[in-house]
Amino acid sequence: MRISKIKEHVLISDLIEELQELLKKTDIKNPNKAPVLKPFEEYSSQVMKRIGDIVSCIDQLHLSLELLSGFRKGKNKKYNRHDYITFGVENYLIRFSSVYDRCLRLTNYVYGIGLPERECRENTIIKNANIKGTKVAESLKEIQKIRKCYANDRNKIAHSESYSDEELFDLELFYIVEDEQGFDSSKYRHFYEPDANRYIAVKRKEFGDRIEHLENCLDVFFSAIRPFVLDKISFYRESSSS
């Protein structure tokens, strides 16, 4: 799987250094005994975990892009190419939307807002007194803006119906007919497969560009929270040594 370029961000490098020191505290002879974490270690590990959730989601977006064109018809498969395309697009849209939610939850933890994760929304995070008007708020708004490109489709998929696109309608009908036993659809296939290939090519380009834009927005977001994260780690470290 392609690893997201966002993994190279300096904030992640900072946190990895902290976690490497934490790892050295592990009792190799007694691996089941977890080390007691100091506040700065707990904070570093929890921030990194939430960043990892975001990076993992981006990696999965790249994977969904690669798998979108990988359909191979087999004798025992119970799904057709239309099913496969629909599943791939839905997978992408849901994961794309979830990046913003994970950024809100990260911000909630970083700044100690203290909200339950299900309550991390625009009005509770971006408009929070400690966030509003800052570079962090601006960067979150940019991520929110790109998320809105697919908001309607995502909400339909999550709450009411499958993904649909008029450009896939003829392909869907073809496979409905093909699934009927006793009907020879092979001589019609060449009318529909090129359309499917073109559709996938267009979607791969569109989705790939969106991922790149999203990664650039995340780069700005991570840079915006980095000073606060490092200051917080330093504060906890100094408090632990005093």
C-alpha atoms as a PDB file:
ATOM      1  CA  MET A   1       0.000   0.000   0.000  1.00  0.00           C
ATOM      2  CA  ARG A   2       1.229   3.499  -0.811  1.00  0.00           C
ATOM      3  CA  ILE A   3       2.199   5.299   2.369  1.00  0.00           C
ATOM      4  CA  SER A   4       0.822   8.803   2.623  1.00  0.00           C
ATOM      5  CA  LYS A   5       3.394  11.563   2.215  1.00  0.00           C
ATOM      6  CA  ILE A   6       1.882  13.213   5.298  1.00  0.00           C
ATOM      7  CA  LYS A   7       3.732  10.599   7.345  1.00  0.00           C
ATOM      8  CA  GLU A   8       6.902  12.574   6.615  1.00  0.00           C
ATOM      9  CA  HIS A   9       5.624  15.628   8.500  1.00  0.00           C
ATOM     10  CA  VAL A  10       8.019  17.004  11.112  1.00  0.00           C
ATOM     11  CA  LEU A  11       5.380  16.760  13.880  1.00  0.00           C
ATOM     12  CA  ILE A  12       5.237  13.004  13.381  1.00  0.00           C
ATOM     13  CA  SER A  13       9.032  12.837  13.507  1.00  0.00           C
ATOM     14  CA  ASP A  14       8.976  14.781  16.785  1.00  0.00           C
ATOM     15  CA  LEU A  15       6.484  12.388  18.324  1.00  0.00           C
ATOM     16  CA  ILE A  16       8.287   9.296  17.070  1.00  0.00           C
ATOM     17  CA  GLU A  17      11.402  10.460  18.929  1.00  0.00           C
ATOM     18  CA  GLU A  18       9.349  10.738  22.097  1.00  0.00           C
ATOM     19  CA  LEU A  19       7.870   7.287  21.600  1.00  0.00           C
ATOM     20  CA  GLN A  20      11.252   5.727  20.926  1.00  0.00           C
ATOM     21  CA  GLU A  21      12.364   6.879  24.354  1.00  0.00           C
ATOM     22  CA  LEU A  22       9.177   5.448  25.815  1.00  0.00           C
ATOM     23  CA  LEU A  23       9.799   2.127  24.100  1.00  0.00           C
ATOM     24  CA  LYS A  24      13.209   1.871  25.755  1.00  0.00           C
ATOM     25  CA  LYS A  25      11.447   1.733  29.131  1.00  0.00           C
ATOM     26  CA  THR A  26       9.781  -1.554  28.219  1.00  0.00           C
ATOM     27  CA  ASP A  27      10.904  -4.428  30.423  1.00  0.00           C
ATOM     28  CA  ILE A  28      12.051  -6.964  27.812  1.00  0.00           C
ATOM     29  CA  LYS A  29      12.084  -9.730  30.408  1.00  0.00           C
ATOM     30  CA  ASN A  30       8.519  -8.926  31.387  1.00  0.00           C
ATOM     31  CA  PRO A  31       6.795  -7.646  28.197  1.00  0.00           C
ATOM     32  CA  ASN A  32       3.306  -8.039  29.666  1.00  0.00           C
ATOM     33  CA  LYS A  33       4.057  -5.394  32.270  1.00  0.00           C
ATOM     34  CA  ALA A  34       3.336  -2.013  30.729  1.00  0.00           C
ATOM     35  CA  PRO A  35       5.619   0.839  31.807  1.00  0.00           C
ATOM     36  CA  VAL A  36       4.111   3.538  34.004  1.00  0.00           C
ATOM     37  CA  LEU A  37       3.780   6.621  31.831  1.00  0.00           C
ATOM     38  CA  LYS A  38       4.637  10.110  32.941  1.00  0.00           C
ATOM     39  CA  PRO A  39       2.205  12.847  31.844  1.00  0.00           C
ATOM     40  CA  PHE A  40       4.352  13.981  28.893  1.00  0.00           C
ATOM     41  CA  GLU A  41       4.661  10.366  27.708  1.00  0.00           C
ATOM     42  CA  GLU A  42       0.944   9.776  27.986  1.00  0.00           C
ATOM     43  CA  TYR A  43       0.234  12.991  26.083  1.00  0.00           C
ATOM     44  CA  SER A  44       2.759  12.161  23.335  1.00  0.00           C
ATOM     45  CA  SER A  45       1.432   8.655  22.845  1.00  0.00           C
ATOM     46  CA  GLN A  46      -2.213   9.744  22.750  1.00  0.00           C
ATOM     47  CA  VAL A  47      -1.509  12.519  20.244  1.00  0.00           C
ATOM     48  CA  MET A  48       0.443  10.091  18.062  1.00  0.00           C
ATOM     49  CA  LYS A  49      -2.368   7.543  18.228  1.00  0.00           C
ATOM     50  CA  ARG A  50      -4.868  10.081  16.931  1.00  0.00           C
ATOM     51  CA  ILE A  51      -2.498  11.272  14.220  1.00  0.00           C
ATOM     52  CA  GLY A  52      -2.007   7.622  13.293  1.00  0.00           C
ATOM     53  CA  ASP A  53      -5.766   7.283  12.830  1.00  0.00           C
ATOM     54  CA  ILE A  54      -5.650  10.138  10.309  1.00  0.00           C
ATOM     55  CA  VAL A  55      -2.608   8.798   8.443  1.00  0.00           C
ATOM     56  CA  SER A  56      -4.150   5.326   8.309  1.00  0.00           C
ATOM     57  CA  CYS A  57      -7.296   6.755   6.758  1.00  0.00           C
ATOM     58  CA  ILE A  58      -5.265   8.541   4.064  1.00  0.00           C
ATOM     59  CA  ASP A  59      -3.365   5.345   3.294  1.00  0.00           C
ATOM     60  CA  GLN A  60      -6.676   3.511   2.973  1.00  0.00           C
ATOM     61  CA  LEU A  61      -7.879   6.173   0.545  1.00  0.00           C
ATOM     62  CA  HIS A  62      -4.850   5.477  -1.645  1.00  0.00           C
ATOM     63  CA  LEU A  63      -5.561   1.768  -1.406  1.00  0.00           C
ATOM     64  CA  SER A  64      -9.217   2.235  -2.362  1.00  0.00           C
ATOM     65  CA  LEU A  65      -8.012   4.160  -5.413  1.00  0.00           C
ATOM     66  CA  GLU A  66      -5.741   1.307  -6.469  1.00  0.00           C
ATOM     67  CA  LEU A  67      -8.446  -1.308  -5.955  1.00  0.00           C
ATOM     68  CA  LEU A  68     -11.066   0.622  -7.909  1.00  0.00           C
ATOM     69  CA  SER A  69      -9.818  -0.726 -11.246  1.00  0.00           C
ATOM     70  CA  GLY A  70      -8.825  -4.183 -10.042  1.00  0.00           C
ATOM     71  CA  PHE A  71     -12.023  -6.144 -10.756  1.00  0.00           C
ATOM     72  CA  ARG A  72     -11.568  -9.656 -12.075  1.00  0.00           C
ATOM     73  CA  LYS A  73     -14.632 -11.732 -12.864  1.00  0.00           C
ATOM     74  CA  GLY A  74     -14.494 -15.231 -11.418  1.00  0.00           C
ATOM     75  CA  LYS A  75     -16.839 -18.193 -11.687  1.00  0.00           C
ATOM     76  CA  ASN A  76     -17.710 -18.190  -8.006  1.00  0.00           C
ATOM     77  CA  LYS A  77     -18.072 -14.434  -7.551  1.00  0.00           C
ATOM     78  CA  LYS A  78     -21.527 -13.313  -6.513  1.00  0.00           C
ATOM     79  CA  TYR A  79     -20.951  -9.719  -7.570  1.00  0.00           C
ATOM     80  CA  ASN A  80     -20.377  -8.041 -10.928  1.00  0.00           C
ATOM     81  CA  ARG A  81     -18.340  -5.078 -12.090  1.00  0.00           C
ATOM     82  CA  HIS A  82     -21.069  -2.573 -11.329  1.00  0.00           C
ATOM     83  CA  ASP A  83     -21.233  -3.901  -7.758  1.00  0.00           C
ATOM     84  CA  TYR A  84     -17.456  -3.646  -7.510  1.00  0.00           C
ATOM     85  CA  ILE A  85     -17.340  -0.052  -8.779  1.00  0.00           C
ATOM     86  CA  THR A  86     -20.159   1.000  -6.456  1.00  0.00           C
ATOM     87  CA  PHE A  87     -18.467  -0.619  -3.471  1.00  0.00           C
ATOM     88  CA  GLY A  88     -15.128   1.039  -4.326  1.00  0.00           C
ATOM     89  CA  VAL A  89     -16.641   4.497  -4.698  1.00  0.00           C
ATOM     90  CA  GLU A  90     -18.641   4.165  -1.482  1.00  0.00           C
ATOM     91  CA  ASN A  91     -15.537   2.993   0.379  1.00  0.00           C
ATOM     92  CA  TYR A  92     -13.628   6.034  -0.855  1.00  0.00           C
ATOM     93  CA  LEU A  93     -16.374   8.539  -0.027  1.00  0.00           C
ATOM     94  CA  ILE A  94     -16.875   7.284   3.525  1.00  0.00           C
ATOM     95  CA  ARG A  95     -13.166   7.270   4.319  1.00  0.00           C
ATOM     96  CA  PHE A  96     -12.644  10.665   2.702  1.00  0.00           C
ATOM     97  CA  SER A  97     -15.311  12.173   4.906  1.00  0.00           C
ATOM     98  CA  SER A  98     -13.979  10.570   8.093  1.00  0.00           C
ATOM     99  CA  VAL A  99     -10.603  12.375   7.875  1.00  0.00           C
ATOM    100  CA  TYR A 100     -12.216  15.635   8.969  1.00  0.00           C
ATOM    101  CA  ASP A 101     -13.920  13.960  11.928  1.00  0.00           C
ATOM    102  CA  ARG A 102     -10.588  12.484  13.036  1.00  0.00           C
ATOM    103  CA  CYS A 103      -8.947  15.904  12.808  1.00  0.00           C
ATOM    104  CA  LEU A 104     -11.630  17.337  15.097  1.00  0.00           C
ATOM    105  CA  ARG A 105     -11.026  14.549  17.627  1.00  0.00           C
ATOM    106  CA  LEU A 106      -7.271  15.149  17.479  1.00  0.00           C
ATOM    107  CA  THR A 107      -7.792  18.860  18.115  1.00  0.00           C
ATOM    108  CA  ASN A 108     -10.105  18.056  21.011  1.00  0.00           C
ATOM    109  CA  TYR A 109      -7.362  16.016  22.688  1.00  0.00           C
ATOM    110  CA  VAL A 110      -4.407  18.255  21.833  1.00  0.00           C
ATOM    111  CA  TYR A 111      -6.020  21.323  23.362  1.00  0.00           C
ATOM    112  CA  GLY A 112      -7.639  19.515  26.278  1.00  0.00           C
ATOM    113  CA  ILE A 113     -11.143  20.591  25.328  1.00  0.00           C
ATOM    114  CA  GLY A 114     -12.428  17.442  26.962  1.00  0.00           C
ATOM    115  CA  LEU A 115     -15.484  16.664  24.839  1.00  0.00           C
ATOM    116  CA  PRO A 116     -16.727  13.115  24.225  1.00  0.00           C
ATOM    117  CA  GLU A 117     -15.653  12.116  20.713  1.00  0.00           C
ATOM    118  CA  ARG A 118     -19.225  11.985  19.423  1.00  0.00           C
ATOM    119  CA  GLU A 119     -19.612  15.672  20.319  1.00  0.00           C
ATOM    120  CA  CYS A 120     -16.583  16.855  18.337  1.00  0.00           C
ATOM    121  CA  ARG A 121     -18.212  19.046  15.703  1.00  0.00           C
ATOM    122  CA  GLU A 122     -17.569  22.367  14.011  1.00  0.00           C
ATOM    123  CA  ASN A 123     -19.492  24.408  16.575  1.00  0.00           C
ATOM    124  CA  THR A 124     -17.797  22.677  19.522  1.00  0.00           C
ATOM    125  CA  ILE A 125     -14.213  22.533  18.196  1.00  0.00           C
ATOM    126  CA  ILE A 126     -13.559  25.184  15.520  1.00  0.00           C
ATOM    127  CA  LYS A 127     -15.669  27.735  17.393  1.00  0.00           C
ATOM    128  CA  ASN A 128     -14.151  26.873  20.761  1.00  0.00           C
ATOM    129  CA  ALA A 129     -12.658  29.932  22.502  1.00  0.00           C
ATOM    130  CA  ASN A 130      -9.146  28.431  22.390  1.00  0.00           C
ATOM    131  CA  ILE A 131      -9.348  27.550  18.684  1.00  0.00           C
ATOM    132  CA  LYS A 132     -11.510  30.229  17.080  1.00  0.00           C
ATOM    133  CA  GLY A 133      -9.576  32.695  14.912  1.00  0.00           C
ATOM    134  CA  THR A 134      -6.306  30.723  15.041  1.00  0.00           C
ATOM    135  CA  LYS A 135      -4.343  29.023  12.254  1.00  0.00           C
ATOM    136  CA  VAL A 136      -5.681  25.744  13.584  1.00  0.00           C
ATOM    137  CA  ALA A 137      -9.259  26.894  12.981  1.00  0.00           C
ATOM    138  CA  GLU A 138      -8.352  28.114   9.498  1.00  0.00           C
ATOM    139  CA  SER A 139      -6.720  24.806   8.590  1.00  0.00           C
ATOM    140  CA  LEU A 140      -9.696  22.811   9.887  1.00  0.00           C
ATOM    141  CA  LYS A 141     -12.045  24.953   7.816  1.00  0.00           C
ATOM    142  CA  GLU A 142     -10.040  24.123   4.692  1.00  0.00           C
ATOM    143  CA  ILE A 143     -10.341  20.407   5.446  1.00  0.00           C
ATOM    144  CA  GLN A 144     -14.038  20.884   6.079  1.00  0.00           C
ATOM    145  CA  LYS A 145     -14.394  22.728   2.764  1.00  0.00           C
ATOM    146  CA  ILE A 146     -12.915  19.898   0.710  1.00  0.00           C
ATOM    147  CA  ARG A 147     -14.956  17.370   2.671  1.00  0.00           C
ATOM    148  CA  LYS A 148     -18.156  19.118   1.569  1.00  0.00           C
ATOM    149  CA  CYS A 149     -17.439  18.088  -2.044  1.00  0.00           C
ATOM    150  CA  TYR A 150     -18.812  14.654  -1.198  1.00  0.00           C
ATOM    151  CA  ALA A 151     -20.981  15.418   1.821  1.00  0.00           C
ATOM    152  CA  ASN A 152     -24.332  14.675   0.136  1.00  0.00           C
ATOM    153  CA  ASP A 153     -23.181  11.384  -1.372  1.00  0.00           C
ATOM    154  CA  ARG A 154     -21.555  10.340   1.891  1.00  0.00           C
ATOM    155  CA  ASN A 155     -24.696  11.060   3.926  1.00  0.00           C
ATOM    156  CA  LYS A 156     -26.894   9.103   1.522  1.00  0.00           C
ATOM    157  CA  ILE A 157     -24.542   6.121   1.673  1.00  0.00           C
ATOM    158  CA  ALA A 158     -24.271   6.209   5.445  1.00  0.00           C
ATOM    159  CA  HIS A 159     -27.945   6.713   6.220  1.00  0.00           C
ATOM    160  CA  SER A 160     -30.305   5.764   3.410  1.00  0.00           C
ATOM    161  CA  GLU A 161     -29.163   4.378   0.069  1.00  0.00           C
ATOM    162  CA  SER A 162     -26.389   3.023  -2.122  1.00  0.00           C
ATOM    163  CA  TYR A 163     -24.200   5.222  -4.301  1.00  0.00           C
ATOM    164  CA  SER A 164     -25.811   6.015  -7.643  1.00  0.00           C
ATOM    165  CA  ASP A 165     -24.610   7.839 -10.734  1.00  0.00           C
ATOM    166  CA  GLU A 166     -26.485   8.322 -14.005  1.00  0.00           C
ATOM    167  CA  GLU A 167     -23.313   7.398 -15.876  1.00  0.00           C
ATOM    168  CA  LEU A 168     -23.502   3.925 -14.326  1.00  0.00           C
ATOM    169  CA  PHE A 169     -27.191   3.370 -15.044  1.00  0.00           C
ATOM    170  CA  ASP A 170     -26.762   1.510 -18.358  1.00  0.00           C
ATOM    171  CA  LEU A 171     -23.994  -0.615 -16.867  1.00  0.00           C
ATOM    172  CA  GLU A 172     -26.217  -1.532 -13.933  1.00  0.00           C
ATOM    173  CA  LEU A 173     -29.040  -2.568 -16.261  1.00  0.00           C
ATOM    174  CA  PHE A 174     -26.669  -4.663 -18.335  1.00  0.00           C
ATOM    175  CA  TYR A 175     -25.539  -6.659 -15.330  1.00  0.00           C
ATOM    176  CA  ILE A 176     -29.104  -7.088 -14.084  1.00  0.00           C
ATOM    177  CA  VAL A 177     -29.934  -8.710 -17.416  1.00  0.00           C
ATOM    178  CA  GLU A 178     -26.667 -10.664 -17.509  1.00  0.00           C
ATOM    179  CA  ASP A 179     -27.411 -12.239 -14.147  1.00  0.00           C
ATOM    180  CA  GLU A 180     -30.515 -13.911 -15.563  1.00  0.00           C
ATOM    181  CA  GLN A 181     -29.836 -17.553 -16.331  1.00  0.00           C
ATOM    182  CA  GLY A 182     -30.200 -18.662 -19.916  1.00  0.00           C
ATOM    183  CA  PHE A 183     -29.418 -15.260 -21.424  1.00  0.00           C
ATOM    184  CA  ASP A 184     -26.224 -14.937 -23.466  1.00  0.00           C
ATOM    185  CA  SER A 185     -24.916 -11.443 -22.717  1.00  0.00           C
ATOM    186  CA  SER A 186     -21.364 -11.963 -23.969  1.00  0.00           C
ATOM    187  CA  LYS A 187     -22.001 -10.416 -27.408  1.00  0.00           C
ATOM    188  CA  TYR A 188     -23.225  -7.192 -25.757  1.00  0.00           C
ATOM    189  CA  ARG A 189     -20.430  -6.862 -23.254  1.00  0.00           C
ATOM    190  CA  HIS A 190     -18.150  -4.813 -25.516  1.00  0.00           C
ATOM    191  CA  PHE A 191     -20.770  -2.032 -25.578  1.00  0.00           C
ATOM    192  CA  TYR A 192     -20.563  -1.530 -21.817  1.00  0.00           C
ATOM    193  CA  GLU A 193     -17.067  -2.429 -20.670  1.00  0.00           C
ATOM    194  CA  PRO A 194     -15.391   0.569 -22.420  1.00  0.00           C
ATOM    195  CA  ASP A 195     -17.858   2.878 -20.651  1.00  0.00           C
ATOM    196  CA  ALA A 196     -16.953   1.288 -17.329  1.00  0.00           C
ATOM    197  CA  ASN A 197     -13.244   1.721 -18.071  1.00  0.00           C
ATOM    198  CA  ARG A 198     -13.721   5.376 -18.951  1.00  0.00           C
ATOM    199  CA  TYR A 199     -15.784   5.972 -15.825  1.00  0.00           C
ATOM    200  CA  ILE A 200     -13.112   4.422 -13.617  1.00  0.00           C
ATOM    201  CA  ALA A 201     -10.347   6.434 -15.305  1.00  0.00           C
ATOM    202  CA  VAL A 202     -12.229   9.688 -14.669  1.00  0.00           C
ATOM    203  CA  LYS A 203     -12.968   8.768 -11.050  1.00  0.00           C
ATOM    204  CA  ARG A 204      -9.392   7.725 -10.350  1.00  0.00           C
ATOM    205  CA  LYS A 205      -8.154  11.093 -11.612  1.00  0.00           C
ATOM    206  CA  GLU A 206     -10.793  13.010  -9.623  1.00  0.00           C
ATOM    207  CA  PHE A 207     -10.259  11.017  -6.429  1.00  0.00           C
ATOM    208  CA  GLY A 208      -6.471  11.168  -6.729  1.00  0.00           C
ATOM    209  CA  ASP A 209      -6.530  14.960  -7.057  1.00  0.00           C
ATOM    210  CA  ARG A 210      -8.818  15.211  -4.022  1.00  0.00           C
ATOM    211  CA  ILE A 211      -6.482  13.068  -1.932  1.00  0.00           C
ATOM    212  CA  GLU A 212      -3.518  15.235  -2.888  1.00  0.00           C
ATOM    213  CA  HIS A 213      -5.449  18.374  -1.929  1.00  0.00           C
ATOM    214  CA  LEU A 214      -6.497  16.781   1.358  1.00  0.00           C
ATOM    215  CA  GLU A 215      -2.901  15.815   2.163  1.00  0.00           C
ATOM    216  CA  ASN A 216      -1.784  19.394   1.544  1.00  0.00           C
ATOM    217  CA  CYS A 217      -4.507  20.631   3.924  1.00  0.00           C
ATOM    218  CA  LEU A 218      -3.365  18.115   6.554  1.00  0.00           C
ATOM    219  CA  ASP A 219       0.204  19.327   6.192  1.00  0.00           C
ATOM    220  CA  VAL A 220      -0.969  22.841   7.097  1.00  0.00           C
ATOM    221  CA  PHE A 221      -3.113  21.513   9.962  1.00  0.00           C
ATOM    222  CA  PHE A 222      -0.271  19.495  11.505  1.00  0.00           C
ATOM    223  CA  SER A 223       2.031  22.507  11.223  1.00  0.00           C
ATOM    224  CA  ALA A 224      -0.575  24.653  12.978  1.00  0.00           C
ATOM    225  CA  ILE A 225      -0.939  22.353  16.000  1.00  0.00           C
ATOM    226  CA  ARG A 226       2.771  21.477  16.267  1.00  0.00           C
ATOM    227  CA  PRO A 227       3.909  24.467  18.417  1.00  0.00           C
ATOM    228  CA  PHE A 228       1.186  23.813  20.976  1.00  0.00           C
ATOM    229  CA  VAL A 229       1.925  20.068  21.069  1.00  0.00           C
ATOM    230  CA  LEU A 230       5.643  20.617  21.643  1.00  0.00           C
ATOM    231  CA  ASP A 231       5.009  23.279  24.298  1.00  0.00           C
ATOM    232  CA  LYS A 232       2.608  20.941  26.090  1.00  0.00           C
ATOM    233  CA  ILE A 233       5.130  18.095  26.048  1.00  0.00           C
ATOM    234  CA  SER A 234       7.816  20.428  27.431  1.00  0.00           C
ATOM    235  CA  PHE A 235       5.467  21.668  30.149  1.00  0.00           C
ATOM    236  CA  TYR A 236       4.586  18.125  31.241  1.00  0.00           C
ATOM    237  CA  ARG A 237       8.246  17.057  31.139  1.00  0.00           C
ATOM    238  CA  GLU A 238       9.342  19.980  33.305  1.00  0.00           C
ATOM    239  CA  SER A 239       6.492  19.356  35.723  1.00  0.00           C
ATOM    240  CA  SER A 240       7.521  15.698  36.021  1.00  0.00           C
ATOM    241  CA  SER A 241      11.152  16.528  36.795  1.00  0.00           C
ATOM    242  CA  SER A 242      10.416  19.187  39.406  1.00  0.00           C
END
